[in-house]
Protein backbone atom coordinates (compact mmCIF):
# COMPACT_ATOMS: atom_id res chain seq x y z
CA VAL A 1 -130.32 -60.01 135.09
CA HIS A 2 -126.98 -61.22 133.91
CA MET A 3 -128.10 -64.85 133.49
CA ALA A 4 -130.90 -63.29 131.37
CA GLY A 5 -128.70 -61.42 129.19
CA LYS A 6 -125.94 -64.53 128.82
CA ARG A 7 -129.50 -66.43 127.41
CA LYS A 8 -129.91 -63.93 125.32
CA ALA A 9 -127.08 -63.22 123.64
CA LYS A 10 -126.10 -67.14 123.39
CA LYS A 11 -129.64 -67.82 121.69
CA ALA A 12 -129.69 -65.20 119.15
CA GLY A 13 -126.45 -66.86 118.06
CA LEU A 14 -128.41 -70.10 117.52
CA ASP A 15 -131.67 -68.15 115.50
CA ASP A 16 -129.57 -67.12 112.78
CA LEU A 17 -129.36 -70.85 111.50
CA SER A 18 -133.21 -71.75 111.90
CA PRO A 19 -135.14 -72.43 108.85
CA SER A 20 -138.39 -71.55 108.20
CA ARG A 21 -140.70 -73.87 110.10
CA SER A 22 -143.01 -75.24 106.88
CA SER A 23 -140.13 -76.82 106.28
CA LYS A 24 -140.40 -80.57 105.76
CA ARG A 25 -139.10 -83.66 107.02
CA SER A 26 -137.14 -85.27 104.60
CA SER A 27 -138.45 -88.20 102.79
CA GLY A 28 -135.55 -90.38 103.45
CA LYS A 29 -135.41 -92.09 106.23
CA MET A 30 -132.93 -91.87 108.80
CA TRP A 31 -131.15 -95.60 110.03
CA GLY A 32 -129.83 -96.53 113.30
CA SER A 33 -129.86 -99.92 115.67
CA SER A 34 -131.71 -100.36 119.02
CA SER A 35 -128.22 -102.00 119.83
CA GLY A 36 -126.27 -98.72 118.81
CA GLY A 37 -122.86 -98.49 118.98
CA GLY A 38 -121.14 -99.73 122.63
CA SER A 39 -118.08 -98.02 123.67
CA SER A 40 -116.18 -101.40 124.70
CA GLY A 41 -115.20 -102.01 121.13
CA ARG A 42 -111.22 -101.37 120.37
CA ARG A 43 -109.52 -100.14 117.57
CA GLY A 44 -107.35 -102.76 115.32
CA HIS A 45 -106.43 -103.52 112.05
CA ARG A 46 -110.54 -103.08 111.41
CA SER A 47 -110.60 -103.42 107.81
CA SER A 48 -107.94 -103.04 104.61
CA SER A 49 -108.36 -99.35 104.68
CA HIS A 50 -105.37 -99.37 107.13
CA ARG A 51 -103.08 -101.78 105.56
CA SER A 52 -100.46 -101.50 103.64
CA SER A 53 -101.12 -100.54 99.65
CA ALA A 54 -98.98 -103.50 98.54
CA LYS A 55 -100.97 -105.50 100.09
CA HIS A 56 -104.17 -104.20 98.15
CA SER A 57 -105.27 -106.95 95.84
CA ALA A 58 -106.71 -105.52 92.20
CA LEU A 59 -110.22 -104.21 92.34
CA ASN A 60 -112.71 -105.69 89.76
CA GLU A 61 -113.59 -101.93 88.13
CA ALA A 62 -116.74 -103.55 85.98
CA ASN A 63 -118.10 -105.07 89.04
CA ILE A 64 -117.38 -101.56 91.33
CA GLN A 65 -119.48 -100.06 88.22
CA LYS A 66 -122.34 -102.20 87.94
CA MET A 67 -123.17 -102.54 91.86
CA PHE A 68 -123.83 -98.63 91.27
CA ALA A 69 -125.25 -98.98 88.97
CA ASP A 70 -127.73 -100.88 90.51
CA ILE A 71 -128.75 -98.61 92.85
CA SER A 72 -128.19 -95.35 91.10
CA ASP A 73 -131.00 -92.64 90.57
CA ASP A 74 -133.28 -93.59 87.22
CA ASP A 75 -133.09 -89.88 86.54
CA ASP A 76 -129.25 -89.14 87.57
CA PRO A 77 -126.81 -92.13 86.75
CA HIS A 78 -124.45 -90.65 88.88
CA VAL A 79 -125.94 -90.90 91.78
CA ALA A 80 -127.44 -93.44 94.56
CA GLY A 81 -130.39 -91.98 96.80
CA MET A 82 -132.24 -93.20 99.30
CA GLU A 83 -134.07 -96.04 97.41
CA GLY A 84 -130.86 -97.04 95.79
CA ILE A 85 -129.33 -97.12 99.27
CA SER A 86 -131.93 -99.35 100.86
CA LYS A 87 -132.13 -101.14 98.01
CA PHE A 88 -128.10 -102.00 98.98
CA CYS A 89 -129.07 -102.39 102.55
CA GLU A 90 -131.32 -105.81 100.76
CA ASP A 91 -128.24 -107.06 99.06
CA LEU A 92 -126.19 -107.00 102.25
CA GLY A 93 -129.16 -108.54 103.83
CA ILE A 94 -129.44 -105.79 106.64
CA ASP A 95 -132.33 -103.58 107.34
CA PRO A 96 -132.35 -100.07 105.92
CA LEU A 97 -134.34 -98.18 109.36
CA GLU A 98 -133.02 -99.77 111.88
CA ASP A 99 -129.19 -101.29 111.26
CA ILE A 100 -126.81 -98.45 112.15
CA ARG A 101 -123.77 -100.13 110.37
CA ILE A 102 -125.18 -98.94 106.66
CA LEU A 103 -124.73 -95.09 108.01
CA VAL A 104 -120.98 -96.35 109.22
CA LEU A 105 -120.28 -97.88 105.95
CA LEU A 106 -121.55 -94.11 103.94
CA TRP A 107 -119.15 -92.62 106.23
CA LYS A 108 -116.31 -94.54 105.80
CA MET A 109 -116.89 -94.32 101.91
CA GLY A 110 -117.02 -91.15 102.07
CA ALA A 111 -120.59 -89.85 101.29
CA ASN A 112 -120.37 -86.09 102.23
CA ASP A 113 -121.16 -83.99 98.68
CA LYS A 114 -124.79 -84.00 99.29
CA PRO A 115 -127.14 -85.33 102.31
CA ALA A 116 -128.69 -88.59 102.02
CA GLN A 117 -126.98 -90.05 99.09
CA ILE A 118 -123.71 -91.13 97.44
CA ASN A 119 -122.42 -89.91 94.27
CA LYS A 120 -120.39 -92.19 91.51
CA LEU A 121 -117.18 -90.64 92.70
CA GLU A 122 -117.59 -91.21 96.49
CA TRP A 123 -118.64 -95.12 95.44
CA GLN A 124 -115.55 -95.53 93.23
CA GLN A 125 -113.16 -94.24 96.13
CA GLY A 126 -115.07 -96.10 98.79
CA CYS A 127 -114.62 -99.13 97.52
CA GLU A 128 -111.42 -98.68 96.62
CA LYS A 129 -110.48 -98.06 100.30
CA LEU A 130 -112.51 -100.70 101.84
CA GLN A 131 -111.21 -103.00 98.86
CA ALA A 132 -114.53 -104.38 98.30
CA ASP A 133 -115.74 -104.70 94.53
CA SER A 134 -118.94 -107.12 95.01
CA ILE A 135 -121.99 -107.42 97.67
CA GLU A 136 -120.10 -110.70 99.29
CA LYS A 137 -117.03 -108.11 99.78
CA PHE A 138 -119.15 -106.02 101.60
CA ARG A 139 -120.67 -108.24 103.88
CA LYS A 140 -117.83 -109.79 105.19
CA ILE A 141 -116.89 -106.14 106.18
CA LEU A 142 -120.40 -105.78 108.22
CA PRO A 143 -119.05 -106.74 111.27
CA SER A 144 -116.38 -104.24 111.35
CA LEU A 145 -118.61 -101.67 111.31
CA ASP A 146 -119.82 -101.80 115.14
CA THR A 147 -119.62 -97.88 115.93
CA GLY A 148 -118.01 -99.81 119.29
CA PHE A 149 -114.93 -99.86 117.16
CA LEU A 150 -114.88 -96.39 116.60
CA ASP A 151 -112.27 -94.62 119.24
CA ARG A 152 -114.13 -91.15 120.88
CA THR A 153 -112.47 -89.06 118.08
CA GLU A 154 -113.76 -91.21 115.22
CA PHE A 155 -117.05 -91.64 116.94
CA LYS A 156 -117.19 -87.50 116.61
CA ASP A 157 -117.08 -87.14 113.51
CA PHE A 158 -119.63 -90.00 112.74
CA PHE A 159 -121.70 -88.56 114.67
CA LYS A 160 -121.74 -85.52 113.06
CA PHE A 161 -121.60 -87.17 109.48
CA CYS A 162 -125.08 -88.84 111.11
CA PHE A 163 -126.66 -85.26 111.07
CA GLN A 164 -125.22 -84.05 108.22
CA PHE A 165 -126.48 -86.99 106.22
CA ASN A 166 -130.22 -86.66 107.52
CA ARG A 167 -130.50 -82.65 106.21
CA GLN A 168 -133.14 -82.16 103.87
CA GLY A 169 -131.39 -80.08 100.60
CA THR A 170 -129.89 -76.84 101.84
CA HIS A 171 -131.55 -76.88 105.31
CA ARG A 172 -128.95 -76.70 108.06
CA THR A 173 -131.33 -78.02 110.74
CA LEU A 174 -133.40 -81.36 111.78
CA ASP A 175 -136.85 -81.62 113.07
CA LYS A 176 -136.27 -82.21 116.67
CA ASP A 177 -138.74 -85.60 116.31
CA LEU A 178 -135.90 -86.53 113.92
CA ILE A 179 -133.47 -85.31 116.48
CA ILE A 180 -134.69 -87.76 119.50
CA ALA A 181 -134.91 -90.96 116.64
CA LEU A 182 -131.47 -90.54 115.91
CA LEU A 183 -130.16 -89.38 119.09
CA GLN A 184 -131.56 -92.96 120.49
CA MET A 185 -130.23 -94.78 117.10
CA VAL A 186 -126.97 -93.39 117.51
CA LEU A 187 -125.50 -93.19 121.03
CA LYS A 188 -127.73 -95.88 122.79
CA GLY A 189 -124.76 -97.88 124.60
CA ARG A 190 -122.70 -95.10 124.13
CA VAL A 191 -123.57 -92.27 126.82
CA ALA A 192 -125.65 -93.05 130.11
CA ASP A 193 -128.73 -94.25 129.60
CA GLU A 194 -130.45 -91.38 132.26
CA ARG A 195 -128.66 -88.72 129.85
CA LEU A 196 -129.59 -89.75 126.71
CA ASN A 197 -133.62 -90.59 127.88
CA THR A 198 -134.12 -87.48 129.96
CA PHE A 199 -132.64 -85.34 127.36
CA SER A 200 -135.13 -86.58 124.71
CA ASP A 201 -137.55 -86.20 127.06
CA PHE A 202 -136.66 -82.67 127.40
CA LEU A 203 -136.56 -82.13 123.76
CA GLY A 204 -140.24 -83.92 123.17
CA GLN A 205 -141.43 -81.77 125.84
CA SER A 206 -140.17 -78.65 125.45
CA LYS A 207 -142.74 -75.78 123.74
CA ASP A 208 -140.08 -73.62 122.87
CA GLU A 209 -140.10 -72.85 118.66
CA THR A 210 -136.63 -72.25 118.77
CA TYR A 211 -136.26 -76.09 119.61
CA SER A 212 -138.54 -77.44 116.73
CA ARG A 213 -135.72 -77.57 114.46
CA ILE A 214 -132.11 -78.31 116.06
CA THR A 215 -128.89 -77.06 114.30
CA LEU A 216 -125.44 -78.80 113.82
CA ASP A 217 -123.99 -77.21 116.74
CA GLN A 218 -126.04 -78.16 119.45
CA TRP A 219 -126.54 -82.02 117.83
CA THR A 220 -122.31 -82.18 118.43
CA SER A 221 -122.39 -80.10 121.54
CA PHE A 222 -124.91 -82.39 123.44
CA LEU A 223 -122.32 -85.09 122.47
CA ASP A 224 -119.31 -82.95 124.07
CA PHE A 225 -121.65 -82.40 127.21
CA CYS A 226 -122.01 -86.13 127.84
CA TYR A 227 -118.51 -86.34 127.41
CA GLU A 228 -117.39 -83.89 129.31
CA VAL A 229 -120.01 -83.44 132.17
CA GLU A 230 -120.65 -86.54 133.68
CA ASP A 231 -122.81 -85.08 136.65
CA ILE A 232 -125.12 -82.52 136.51
CA ALA A 233 -124.41 -81.17 139.84
CA ASP A 234 -121.13 -80.08 138.56
CA TYR A 235 -122.59 -77.95 136.03
CA ASP A 236 -121.93 -74.00 136.36
CA GLU A 237 -124.37 -72.30 133.84
CA ALA A 238 -122.86 -68.91 134.91
CA THR A 239 -119.23 -69.77 133.75
CA SER A 240 -120.71 -72.49 130.39
CA ALA A 241 -119.66 -72.01 127.27
CA TRP A 242 -122.54 -74.35 126.01
CA PRO A 243 -125.76 -73.58 124.05
CA VAL A 244 -128.68 -72.08 125.37
CA LEU A 245 -130.27 -75.45 124.87
CA ILE A 246 -127.86 -77.31 127.13
CA ASP A 247 -128.47 -74.42 130.17
CA GLU A 248 -132.67 -75.14 129.84
CA TYR A 249 -131.90 -79.23 129.68
CA VAL A 250 -129.99 -78.28 133.00
CA GLU A 251 -132.28 -76.37 134.50
CA TYR A 252 -134.88 -78.92 133.54
CA MET A 253 -132.87 -81.73 135.17
CA GLU A 254 -132.89 -79.81 138.41
CA LYS A 255 -136.42 -79.17 138.25
CA LEU A 256 -137.03 -83.01 138.48
CA GLN A 257 -134.46 -83.60 140.81
CA ARG A 258 -135.94 -81.31 143.52
């Protein structure tokens, strides 16, 4: 009875964020890569944004403006949506549907104002931060965008960005099928394959309508859970503060191991 009461109370907090199930998946596509981002990368002086401003060379503002104009929306020259970002990927020579580095690039450029787009100010500030005023300079940055170069704190911020960028409009949740795809793309090589695959299987087979859409809290909690609970045998649901989704995943794993 105690556990049931705990679960009911925890679940109620998550339900507050659930939109109607009639919400459709965004027409924009998420990005990731089968290689993901390994944890073997080491931070160093990875980009010019970390160097002294004295070393920054003058940027060609006209080029920066032209690059953005080439990818901006036809009906709003101050915004580049998914179509324009896909064109930018083509110019860079990377696959917009498979290469996670475009998400890392957008995160580094500060594309945070609205989901699935980068606005003109973010673009200008991002180019300044990365010291890039041409496609050629952006191409030279690509090798440094592997997620293996991100330390744990940076990766957690990037992980949150991946969720927020893939939201649709004002919806605060993502469809679980999109979540499963994103998890595989973003976390492959970052967390244990067994944990990643079994959690994806758990979500996929769940008939609980509560989990038809996933909240940001649930999304970030899974990464924290992977970091903090290496062995599920050490998990204590009675004293945990994890979302119910994690409790039920652990129960699913315990049943598999019996």
